[in-house]
Amino acid sequence: MGNFDVMPDRHNTNTWKWDGEGKGALYPMGTADMDFRMPDVIRDALHQKIDQGVLSYAADKSYFSEAFARYQKKHYGLEIDPSDVFCGTALMAVYKVLLETYTAPGDGVIVQTPTFGHLYNVPRNNGRMVYENRLLYNREEGTWTINFEELETMVKDPRVRMLVVCNPGNPVTRGLTEEEMKRMYDLCNANDVIMLSDEIHSDVYYDGRKHVSVLHVCDEAQHNCILLTSPGKVFGVPGLKIAITVIHDPKLKARYQVVSNNCRVDVIDLGMVAVAAGFDGADAYIAELQEALQKNKDYIVKFFAENDMKIRLTKPEASYLFWLDFSDWNMSCAELAELLKKYGIVYSDGTEFGPGNEGFMRMNIATTFTQVCGMCDALKKCYTENIA
């Protein structure tokens, strides 16, 4: 557990989490990156590449696609043809290219909120009609589920071209079940709507749960389904800006190849070399990471259960981003942020995750156990001195 017990000093390293959003905070737990060192195998690969003295254009990228396919087979049992794997720079940049490929201004895109804000904002800001299929919130149970009745109506609208799914959910920490994923895919496929599944947090699950990819539930030809993901979260290398798209359907694939070529979707060889090394050699790191995050998750769940702070914790099933309901504090997100920062705490503002999330905050637990314990104590003190 050595990689996860000691936190490197990230102050003055030009990292947004500590020097931007969380500048001056003791517990900057908003931005979705980890306070852990990347796997040694990735650091070694980066050093070896840099020591060549030149960062040039890559002649061959097949090694990366092959490493990704091996990783998916080993971890999730997915059979992926490396020729169906496309690599690009930055997940949201590739997301925009996917929207340009399969939708036009005025077309409908279904987005399930609360969700990562750019999944909602990118289609809206690029002239698409956003259909908000808001997840159903059971406040007492702390769970979020899909509103299938509304979704079924939406996918039948002839203007709708795409459903965007975030699985596991950011910020609602849901790991969608096989039944849920298949039901969504079948609805989409029956209505010729593309199901785009963002699975960037697929490597972190709790309590023995297993990830269900869209590729597990689609038909054999993988009609109307696209996987979008990135290794940036699990390996702690979001700065490498690696995005991966898997498209098997020949018609969808041909269209993407044209548009992505026109947009010059590409990625630096440095990133591919590093991440390919992680796919093939970081299993021990991932196992230790999951163990460390499980420990953090268990502590937080127990702490919230034993300390009534009038905060509802959404039941964490997957990802290291937890969703907190502060509604009973009767404060806006801006007011919450101002108060929490007095106690050294920074979370992500709930209003960043789509409409209707005032009073919610997102908390990142991918830090040391010591930090998690300190943050919990600071949060309790904040409640005791200001709300109780």
Protein backbone atom coordinates (compact mmCIF):
# COMPACT_ATOMS: atom_id res chain seq x y z
CA MET A 1 0.00 0.00 0.00
CA GLY A 2 3.05 2.26 -0.13
CA ASN A 3 1.78 4.11 -3.18
CA PHE A 4 -1.38 5.12 -1.34
CA ASP A 5 -0.34 5.81 2.25
CA VAL A 6 1.91 8.77 1.54
CA MET A 7 0.74 11.75 -0.50
CA PRO A 8 3.30 13.57 -2.63
CA ASP A 9 3.47 17.30 -1.97
CA ARG A 10 1.46 18.76 -4.84
CA HIS A 11 1.65 22.40 -3.77
CA ASN A 12 3.22 24.69 -6.38
CA THR A 13 3.15 22.01 -9.08
CA ASN A 14 0.66 23.95 -11.22
CA THR A 15 -2.05 21.40 -10.58
CA TRP A 16 -5.62 22.70 -10.65
CA LYS A 17 -6.69 20.64 -7.64
CA TRP A 18 -4.12 22.19 -5.26
CA ASP A 19 -2.96 25.41 -6.92
CA GLY A 20 -6.20 26.43 -8.62
CA GLU A 21 -9.60 25.38 -7.31
CA GLY A 22 -8.16 24.21 -3.99
CA LYS A 23 -5.47 26.83 -3.47
CA GLY A 24 -4.90 27.39 0.25
CA ALA A 25 -7.24 24.55 1.31
CA LEU A 26 -6.27 21.73 3.65
CA TYR A 27 -8.69 19.32 1.99
CA PRO A 28 -9.10 20.13 -1.72
CA MET A 29 -11.50 17.33 -2.63
CA GLY A 30 -13.27 18.63 -5.70
CA THR A 31 -11.27 18.18 -8.90
CA ALA A 32 -11.40 14.62 -10.24
CA ASP A 33 -7.77 13.61 -10.05
CA MET A 34 -5.93 11.49 -7.50
CA ASP A 35 -3.40 12.39 -4.83
CA PHE A 36 -1.43 9.24 -5.65
CA ARG A 37 1.70 8.69 -7.69
CA MET A 38 1.16 7.11 -11.07
CA PRO A 39 2.23 3.45 -11.50
CA ASP A 40 5.99 2.96 -11.67
CA VAL A 41 5.62 1.15 -14.99
CA ILE A 42 4.13 4.31 -16.49
CA ARG A 43 6.80 6.59 -15.01
CA ASP A 44 9.49 4.28 -16.38
CA ALA A 45 7.91 4.27 -19.84
CA LEU A 46 7.73 8.07 -19.85
CA HIS A 47 11.38 8.41 -18.80
CA GLN A 48 12.51 5.90 -21.39
CA LYS A 49 10.64 7.72 -24.15
CA ILE A 50 11.92 11.16 -23.10
CA ASP A 51 15.47 9.83 -22.83
CA GLN A 52 15.35 9.15 -26.58
CA GLY A 53 15.72 12.92 -26.87
CA VAL A 54 13.02 13.43 -29.51
CA LEU A 55 9.22 13.45 -29.28
CA SER A 56 8.23 12.86 -32.86
CA TYR A 57 5.22 11.73 -34.86
CA ALA A 58 4.27 8.10 -34.26
CA ALA A 59 4.67 5.74 -37.22
CA ASP A 60 2.58 2.96 -35.73
CA LYS A 61 -0.24 3.20 -33.18
CA SER A 62 -1.42 -0.40 -33.31
CA TYR A 63 0.56 -1.32 -30.17
CA PHE A 64 -1.69 0.99 -28.14
CA SER A 65 -4.96 -0.43 -29.50
CA GLU A 66 -3.69 -3.96 -28.93
CA ALA A 67 -2.71 -3.17 -25.33
CA PHE A 68 -6.15 -1.64 -24.69
CA ALA A 69 -7.88 -4.71 -26.14
CA ARG A 70 -5.80 -7.02 -23.94
CA TYR A 71 -6.64 -4.92 -20.89
CA GLN A 72 -10.38 -5.00 -21.61
CA LYS A 73 -10.29 -8.76 -22.16
CA LYS A 74 -8.37 -9.38 -18.93
CA HIS A 75 -10.39 -7.06 -16.71
CA TYR A 76 -13.89 -7.20 -18.20
CA GLY A 77 -13.98 -10.20 -20.52
CA LEU A 78 -14.62 -8.02 -23.56
CA GLU A 79 -13.52 -9.19 -27.00
CA ILE A 80 -12.44 -6.00 -28.78
CA ASP A 81 -10.91 -5.90 -32.25
CA PRO A 82 -7.95 -3.49 -32.02
CA SER A 83 -8.97 -2.06 -35.41
CA ASP A 84 -12.15 -0.78 -33.72
CA VAL A 85 -10.13 1.25 -31.19
CA PHE A 86 -9.54 4.95 -31.88
CA CYS A 87 -7.28 7.11 -29.76
CA GLY A 88 -7.64 10.87 -29.41
CA THR A 89 -6.60 13.82 -27.31
CA ALA A 90 -8.94 14.77 -24.42
CA LEU A 91 -12.22 13.01 -23.72
CA MET A 92 -14.42 16.06 -24.19
CA ALA A 93 -12.70 17.03 -27.43
CA VAL A 94 -13.40 13.53 -28.79
CA TYR A 95 -16.95 13.77 -27.44
CA LYS A 96 -17.48 16.89 -29.55
CA VAL A 97 -16.16 15.07 -32.62
CA LEU A 98 -18.60 12.22 -31.94
CA LEU A 99 -21.45 14.73 -31.75
CA GLU A 100 -20.29 16.30 -35.03
CA THR A 101 -20.17 12.84 -36.61
CA TYR A 102 -23.58 11.51 -35.67
CA THR A 103 -25.74 14.56 -34.98
CA ALA A 104 -26.43 17.94 -36.56
CA PRO A 105 -27.46 21.29 -35.08
CA GLY A 106 -31.07 21.00 -34.01
CA ASP A 107 -30.90 17.25 -33.40
CA GLY A 108 -31.85 15.88 -30.00
CA VAL A 109 -29.30 14.46 -27.56
CA ILE A 110 -30.53 12.80 -24.37
CA VAL A 111 -28.36 13.43 -21.30
CA GLN A 112 -29.02 11.83 -17.92
CA THR A 113 -28.48 14.33 -15.12
CA PRO A 114 -26.90 14.83 -12.64
CA THR A 115 -23.85 14.17 -14.78
CA PHE A 116 -20.42 15.51 -15.58
CA GLY A 117 -21.23 19.03 -16.67
CA HIS A 118 -19.52 18.96 -20.06
CA LEU A 119 -21.57 15.93 -21.13
CA TYR A 120 -24.53 18.30 -20.82
CA ASN A 121 -22.88 21.54 -21.93
CA VAL A 122 -21.04 20.41 -25.07
CA PRO A 123 -24.18 19.42 -27.01
CA ARG A 124 -26.08 22.44 -25.70
CA ASN A 125 -23.29 24.85 -26.64
CA ASN A 126 -23.03 23.33 -30.12
CA GLY A 127 -26.61 23.78 -31.19
CA ARG A 128 -28.04 20.41 -30.21
CA MET A 129 -31.37 20.13 -28.45
CA VAL A 130 -30.66 18.63 -25.03
CA TYR A 131 -33.31 16.29 -23.65
CA GLU A 132 -32.77 16.01 -19.90
CA ASN A 133 -33.63 12.52 -18.68
CA ARG A 134 -33.09 13.34 -15.01
CA LEU A 135 -32.31 10.41 -12.76
CA LEU A 136 -34.88 9.60 -10.07
CA TYR A 137 -33.66 10.43 -6.57
CA ASN A 138 -34.70 8.41 -3.54
CA ARG A 139 -33.51 10.74 -0.79
CA GLU A 140 -34.18 8.35 2.06
CA GLU A 141 -32.23 5.50 0.45
CA GLY A 142 -29.60 7.76 -1.10
CA THR A 143 -30.00 6.22 -4.55
CA TRP A 144 -30.46 7.42 -8.13
CA THR A 145 -32.19 5.35 -10.81
CA ILE A 146 -33.09 5.77 -14.47
CA ASN A 147 -36.47 7.22 -15.39
CA PHE A 148 -37.23 4.62 -18.05
CA GLU A 149 -40.78 5.80 -18.68
CA GLU A 150 -39.50 9.24 -19.69
CA LEU A 151 -36.52 7.77 -21.56
CA GLU A 152 -38.77 5.55 -23.67
CA THR A 153 -40.78 8.59 -24.74
CA MET A 154 -37.63 10.55 -25.57
CA VAL A 155 -35.95 7.90 -27.74
CA LYS A 156 -39.11 7.67 -29.84
CA ASP A 157 -38.91 11.37 -30.69
CA PRO A 158 -37.71 11.49 -34.33
CA ARG A 159 -35.44 14.42 -33.54
CA VAL A 160 -33.38 12.38 -31.05
CA ARG A 161 -30.15 10.93 -32.45
CA MET A 162 -28.13 10.01 -29.37
CA LEU A 163 -28.37 8.95 -25.72
CA VAL A 164 -25.35 9.84 -23.57
CA VAL A 165 -24.84 7.53 -20.59
CA CYS A 166 -22.26 8.03 -17.84
CA ASN A 167 -21.46 4.63 -16.31
CA PRO A 168 -20.32 4.55 -13.57
CA GLY A 169 -22.16 7.74 -12.79
CA ASN A 170 -20.29 10.95 -12.15
CA PRO A 171 -21.36 12.31 -9.68
CA VAL A 172 -24.05 9.85 -8.51
CA THR A 173 -21.60 6.91 -8.03
CA ARG A 174 -23.97 4.43 -9.69
CA GLY A 175 -22.62 1.33 -11.34
CA LEU A 176 -25.45 0.50 -13.72
CA THR A 177 -26.70 -3.09 -13.76
CA GLU A 178 -26.75 -5.36 -16.78
CA GLU A 179 -30.54 -5.10 -16.84
CA GLU A 180 -30.42 -1.30 -16.87
CA MET A 181 -27.75 -1.12 -19.55
CA LYS A 182 -29.47 -3.66 -21.79
CA ARG A 183 -32.85 -2.00 -21.42
CA MET A 184 -31.35 1.34 -22.47
CA TYR A 185 -29.49 -0.21 -25.39
CA ASP A 186 -32.56 -2.09 -26.63
CA LEU A 187 -34.63 1.10 -26.51
CA CYS A 188 -31.98 2.96 -28.47
CA ASN A 189 -31.38 0.24 -31.03
CA ALA A 190 -35.09 -0.23 -31.68
CA ASN A 191 -35.41 3.49 -32.45
CA ASP A 192 -32.12 3.91 -34.36
CA VAL A 193 -30.65 6.08 -31.61
CA ILE A 194 -26.95 5.81 -30.81
CA MET A 195 -26.09 4.89 -27.22
CA LEU A 196 -22.82 6.61 -26.31
CA SER A 197 -21.48 5.25 -23.03
CA ASP A 198 -18.85 7.25 -21.13
CA GLU A 199 -17.09 4.64 -18.98
CA ILE A 200 -14.09 6.62 -17.77
CA HIS A 201 -14.63 5.54 -14.13
CA SER A 202 -15.09 1.83 -14.93
CA ASP A 203 -12.01 0.67 -13.00
CA VAL A 204 -13.26 1.58 -9.51
CA TYR A 205 -16.10 -0.43 -7.96
CA TYR A 206 -16.94 -1.21 -4.33
CA ASP A 207 -18.11 -4.22 -2.38
CA GLY A 208 -17.47 -6.77 -5.12
CA ARG A 209 -19.56 -5.07 -7.80
CA LYS A 210 -18.51 -5.55 -11.43
CA HIS A 211 -18.60 -3.09 -14.31
CA VAL A 212 -21.13 -3.67 -17.09
CA SER A 213 -20.04 -2.03 -20.33
CA VAL A 214 -22.33 -1.14 -23.21
CA LEU A 215 -20.27 -3.70 -25.13
CA HIS A 216 -21.56 -6.40 -22.77
CA VAL A 217 -25.21 -5.76 -23.65
CA CYS A 218 -25.28 -4.73 -27.32
CA ASP A 219 -26.10 -7.04 -30.20
CA GLU A 220 -23.36 -9.01 -31.95
CA ALA A 221 -22.93 -6.40 -34.67
CA GLN A 222 -22.76 -3.62 -32.03
CA HIS A 223 -25.31 -1.53 -33.88
CA ASN A 224 -25.91 1.94 -32.48
CA CYS A 225 -23.41 1.71 -29.63
CA ILE A 226 -20.14 3.51 -28.92
CA LEU A 227 -17.81 3.20 -25.95
CA LEU A 228 -15.93 6.31 -24.84
CA THR A 229 -13.34 6.03 -22.09
CA SER A 230 -9.92 7.05 -20.83
CA PRO A 231 -7.21 5.57 -18.58
CA GLY A 232 -6.52 9.00 -17.10
CA LYS A 233 -8.51 8.34 -13.93
CA VAL A 234 -7.33 4.87 -12.94
CA PHE A 235 -3.64 5.61 -13.62
CA GLY A 236 -3.66 9.16 -12.25
CA VAL A 237 -2.50 10.67 -15.55
CA PRO A 238 -5.32 13.01 -16.69
CA GLY A 239 -2.65 15.42 -17.91
CA LEU A 240 -1.74 13.00 -20.71
CA LYS A 241 -5.17 13.74 -22.22
CA ILE A 242 -5.78 10.25 -23.62
CA ALA A 243 -9.29 9.42 -24.89
CA ILE A 244 -10.34 6.08 -26.36
CA THR A 245 -13.33 5.32 -28.55
CA VAL A 246 -14.51 1.84 -29.55
CA ILE A 247 -16.72 1.65 -32.65
CA HIS A 248 -17.42 -1.71 -34.32
CA ASP A 249 -20.53 -1.02 -36.42
CA PRO A 250 -19.09 -0.58 -39.97
CA LYS A 251 -21.37 2.34 -40.89
CA LEU A 252 -20.70 4.22 -37.65
CA LYS A 253 -17.02 3.44 -37.90
CA ALA A 254 -16.70 4.73 -41.47
CA ARG A 255 -18.44 7.98 -40.59
CA TYR A 256 -16.21 8.55 -37.57
CA GLN A 257 -13.06 7.87 -39.56
CA VAL A 258 -13.97 10.59 -42.03
CA VAL A 259 -14.91 13.23 -39.46
CA SER A 260 -12.04 12.46 -37.08
CA ASN A 261 -9.56 12.65 -39.97
CA ASN A 262 -11.02 15.99 -41.01
CA CYS A 263 -10.74 17.23 -37.41
CA ARG A 264 -7.20 15.86 -37.08
CA VAL A 265 -8.10 13.86 -33.99
CA ASP A 266 -4.75 12.57 -32.77
CA VAL A 267 -2.73 11.89 -29.66
CA ILE A 268 0.93 12.26 -28.78
CA ASP A 269 3.06 9.14 -28.83
CA LEU A 270 4.30 9.98 -25.31
CA GLY A 271 0.82 9.40 -23.94
CA MET A 272 0.26 6.20 -25.87
CA VAL A 273 3.60 4.74 -24.79
CA ALA A 274 2.87 5.51 -21.14
CA VAL A 275 -0.68 4.24 -21.04
CA ALA A 276 0.06 1.10 -23.06
CA ALA A 277 2.66 0.25 -20.41
CA GLY A 278 -0.02 0.72 -17.76
CA PHE A 279 -2.50 -1.52 -19.58
CA ASP A 280 0.02 -4.34 -19.67
CA GLY A 281 1.85 -3.84 -16.39
CA ALA A 282 -0.19 -2.02 -13.74
CA ASP A 283 -2.52 -4.74 -12.43
CA ALA A 284 -0.90 -4.75 -8.98
CA TYR A 285 -1.25 -0.96 -8.82
CA ILE A 286 -4.95 -1.14 -9.70
CA ALA A 287 -5.58 -3.81 -7.07
CA GLU A 288 -3.90 -1.67 -4.39
CA LEU A 289 -5.78 1.42 -5.56
CA GLN A 290 -9.10 -0.38 -5.27
CA GLU A 291 -8.15 -1.58 -1.78
CA ALA A 292 -7.22 1.95 -0.68
CA LEU A 293 -10.41 3.47 -2.09
CA GLN A 294 -12.54 0.74 -0.54
CA LYS A 295 -11.00 1.61 2.85
CA ASN A 296 -11.76 5.31 2.30
CA LYS A 297 -15.29 4.57 1.16
CA ASP A 298 -16.02 2.30 4.15
CA TYR A 299 -14.76 4.92 6.58
CA ILE A 300 -16.84 7.69 5.02
CA VAL A 301 -20.03 5.62 4.93
CA LYS A 302 -19.56 4.66 8.59
CA PHE A 303 -18.71 8.24 9.58
CA PHE A 304 -21.82 9.67 7.95
CA ALA A 305 -23.99 6.94 9.47
CA GLU A 306 -22.66 7.60 12.97
CA ASN A 307 -22.62 11.41 12.78
CA ASP A 308 -25.86 13.15 11.90
CA MET A 309 -24.72 16.25 10.06
CA LYS A 310 -27.95 16.66 8.06
CA ILE A 311 -26.09 15.62 4.91
CA ARG A 312 -27.41 12.86 2.67
CA LEU A 313 -24.63 10.72 1.20
CA THR A 314 -25.59 9.05 -2.07
CA LYS A 315 -24.90 5.32 -1.75
CA PRO A 316 -21.42 4.84 -3.28
CA GLU A 317 -21.25 1.92 -5.70
CA ALA A 318 -18.42 2.97 -8.00
CA SER A 319 -15.91 5.74 -8.83
CA TYR A 320 -14.02 7.89 -6.33
CA LEU A 321 -16.41 10.84 -6.70
CA PHE A 322 -19.15 10.95 -4.05
CA TRP A 323 -22.36 13.00 -4.16
CA LEU A 324 -23.49 14.93 -1.08
CA ASP A 325 -26.94 16.42 -0.53
CA PHE A 326 -26.69 19.51 1.72
CA SER A 327 -30.31 20.56 1.12
CA ASP A 328 -31.12 20.54 4.84
CA TRP A 329 -28.48 23.22 5.40
CA ASN A 330 -30.68 25.59 3.34
CA MET A 331 -27.73 27.13 1.54
CA SER A 332 -26.83 27.68 -2.10
CA CYS A 333 -23.75 26.00 -3.52
CA ALA A 334 -21.91 29.31 -3.48
CA GLU A 335 -22.77 29.79 0.21
CA LEU A 336 -21.76 26.21 1.00
CA ALA A 337 -18.42 26.63 -0.76
CA GLU A 338 -17.69 29.82 1.15
CA LEU A 339 -18.52 28.22 4.51
CA LEU A 340 -16.67 24.95 3.86
CA LYS A 341 -13.52 26.74 2.75
CA LYS A 342 -13.32 28.36 6.19
CA TYR A 343 -12.72 24.84 7.48
CA GLY A 344 -10.19 24.01 4.78
CA ILE A 345 -12.60 21.99 2.61
CA VAL A 346 -13.18 22.38 -1.12
CA TYR A 347 -15.74 20.29 -3.01
CA SER A 348 -17.10 20.62 -6.54
CA ASP A 349 -20.16 22.85 -6.93
CA GLY A 350 -23.31 20.81 -7.60
CA THR A 351 -24.60 23.31 -10.14
CA GLU A 352 -21.79 22.19 -12.48
CA PHE A 353 -23.60 18.88 -13.04
CA GLY A 354 -26.72 20.06 -14.81
CA PRO A 355 -29.93 21.84 -13.78
CA GLY A 356 -31.58 21.17 -10.45
CA ASN A 357 -28.49 20.45 -8.35
CA GLU A 358 -28.39 23.49 -6.08
CA GLY A 359 -27.45 22.35 -2.59
CA PHE A 360 -25.45 19.34 -3.79
CA MET A 361 -21.65 19.03 -3.73
CA ARG A 362 -19.26 16.45 -5.20
CA MET A 363 -16.48 15.03 -3.04
CA ASN A 364 -13.36 13.29 -4.35
CA ILE A 365 -12.06 10.55 -2.01
CA ALA A 366 -8.99 9.58 -4.09
CA THR A 367 -6.54 10.75 -1.46
CA THR A 368 -4.81 9.27 1.56
CA PHE A 369 -6.76 7.80 4.44
CA THR A 370 -5.27 10.48 6.70
CA GLN A 371 -6.71 13.20 4.46
CA VAL A 372 -10.12 11.51 4.44
CA CYS A 373 -10.19 11.32 8.25
CA GLY A 374 -9.09 14.95 8.59
CA MET A 375 -11.72 16.13 6.12
CA CYS A 376 -14.48 14.24 7.94
CA ASP A 377 -13.49 15.82 11.26
CA ALA A 378 -13.38 19.29 9.68
CA LEU A 379 -16.82 18.76 8.12
CA LYS A 380 -18.26 17.70 11.47
CA LYS A 381 -16.77 20.77 13.12
CA CYS A 382 -18.25 22.98 10.41
CA TYR A 383 -21.69 21.47 11.02
CA THR A 384 -21.44 21.69 14.80
CA GLU A 385 -20.38 25.33 14.80
CA ASN A 386 -22.73 26.62 12.12
CA ILE A 387 -25.75 24.36 11.54
CA ALA A 388 -26.51 22.21 14.60
